[in-house]
Amino acid sequence: MVVEDFTLSDSDIVHLPCPPETNIFHVLDVSENRITDVIFQNCSSLVHLETLNLRRNKLEELAKIFQCALVYKDAVAVDADQVSNKKDDHPRS
């Protein structure tokens, strides 16, 4: 069975390992979990990923997520809406 779209949302997961081999995921939805911004650090096997949904997770540095997305060959749309983004927040005056 070939899986191109994978969703694991609202499951209280903290970590999702990088697949060991190149895979064909086009959409990866891990929204509403407790994933941190190290989720795919140094992960280069998601070469076909087009959409990554990280909405409502525990991300601290969005720059790490966008840096990771740059290694993917296909265009990646990253949804990081309503994340716990502590380090990138700036006080408003």
Protein backbone atom coordinates (compact mmCIF):
# COMPACT_ATOMS: atom_id res chain seq x y z
CA MET A 1 0.00 0.00 0.00
CA VAL A 2 1.31 3.44 -0.95
CA VAL A 3 0.53 6.27 1.47
CA GLU A 4 0.98 9.80 0.12
CA ASP A 5 -1.05 11.72 2.72
CA PHE A 6 -0.45 10.95 6.39
CA THR A 7 -2.36 12.47 9.30
CA LEU A 8 -1.60 11.95 12.97
CA SER A 9 -3.39 14.84 14.65
CA ASP A 10 -4.64 15.42 18.18
CA SER A 11 -2.73 12.36 19.39
CA ASP A 12 -0.53 13.96 22.06
CA ILE A 13 2.64 12.78 20.32
CA VAL A 14 5.92 14.45 21.25
CA HIS A 15 8.29 13.05 18.64
CA LEU A 16 8.00 11.74 15.11
CA PRO A 17 11.17 10.15 13.75
CA CYS A 18 12.51 11.04 10.35
CA PRO A 19 11.82 8.19 7.92
CA PRO A 20 15.06 6.26 7.29
CA GLU A 21 14.55 6.07 3.53
CA THR A 22 13.25 8.44 0.89
CA ASN A 23 9.46 8.25 0.97
CA ILE A 24 6.57 9.56 -1.06
CA PHE A 25 4.66 11.59 1.54
CA HIS A 26 3.10 14.61 -0.14
CA VAL A 27 1.06 15.77 2.85
CA LEU A 28 2.08 15.30 6.48
CA ASP A 29 -0.41 16.52 9.08
CA VAL A 30 0.80 16.31 12.67
CA SER A 31 -1.35 19.15 13.98
CA GLU A 32 -2.55 19.49 17.56
CA ASN A 33 0.21 17.49 19.23
CA ARG A 34 3.19 18.36 21.45
CA ILE A 35 5.88 18.28 18.76
CA THR A 36 8.86 20.61 19.16
CA ASP A 37 10.88 22.39 16.50
CA VAL A 38 13.48 19.61 16.31
CA ILE A 39 10.92 17.35 14.60
CA PHE A 40 12.76 17.00 11.29
CA GLN A 41 16.13 18.54 12.05
CA ASN A 42 18.70 16.93 9.73
CA CYS A 43 15.97 14.97 7.95
CA SER A 44 16.38 14.69 4.20
CA SER A 45 14.13 11.74 3.35
CA LEU A 46 10.92 13.76 2.87
CA VAL A 47 11.89 14.89 -0.61
CA HIS A 48 8.34 14.81 -2.03
CA LEU A 49 6.69 16.66 0.84
CA GLU A 50 4.43 19.46 -0.37
CA THR A 51 2.42 20.29 2.75
CA LEU A 52 3.48 20.11 6.39
CA ASN A 53 0.81 20.93 8.98
CA LEU A 54 2.29 21.73 12.40
CA ARG A 55 -0.65 23.77 13.69
CA ARG A 56 -1.04 23.88 17.49
CA ASN A 57 2.23 22.26 18.52
CA LYS A 58 5.03 23.29 20.89
CA LEU A 59 7.34 24.95 18.40
CA GLU A 60 9.76 27.49 19.83
CA GLU A 61 11.78 28.66 16.84
CA LEU A 62 9.94 28.83 13.54
CA ALA A 63 13.23 29.57 11.78
CA LYS A 64 14.28 25.95 12.42
CA ILE A 65 11.15 24.65 10.69
CA PHE A 66 11.60 26.87 7.66
CA GLN A 67 15.31 25.99 7.44
CA CYS A 68 14.37 22.31 7.45
CA ALA A 69 11.76 22.86 4.72
CA LEU A 70 14.39 24.34 2.41
CA VAL A 71 16.00 20.92 1.84
CA TYR A 72 12.86 19.44 0.29
CA LYS A 73 12.81 19.32 -3.51
CA ASP A 74 9.11 20.07 -3.93
CA ALA A 75 7.49 23.28 -2.80
CA VAL A 76 6.49 23.02 0.84
CA ALA A 77 3.56 24.85 2.40
CA VAL A 78 4.06 24.97 6.15
CA ASP A 79 1.04 25.61 8.38
CA ALA A 80 2.28 26.67 11.80
CA ASP A 81 -0.83 28.55 12.93
CA GLN A 82 -1.42 28.90 16.68
CA VAL A 83 1.87 27.38 17.74
CA SER A 84 3.48 27.98 21.10
CA ASN A 85 6.20 30.16 19.62
CA LYS A 86 8.09 31.50 22.65
CA LYS A 87 11.49 32.45 21.23
CA ASP A 88 10.15 34.22 18.14
CA ASP A 89 7.63 36.31 20.07
CA HIS A 90 8.48 39.97 20.43
CA PRO A 91 6.94 42.17 23.09
CA ARG A 92 4.55 44.68 21.61
CA SER A 93 4.61 48.24 22.81
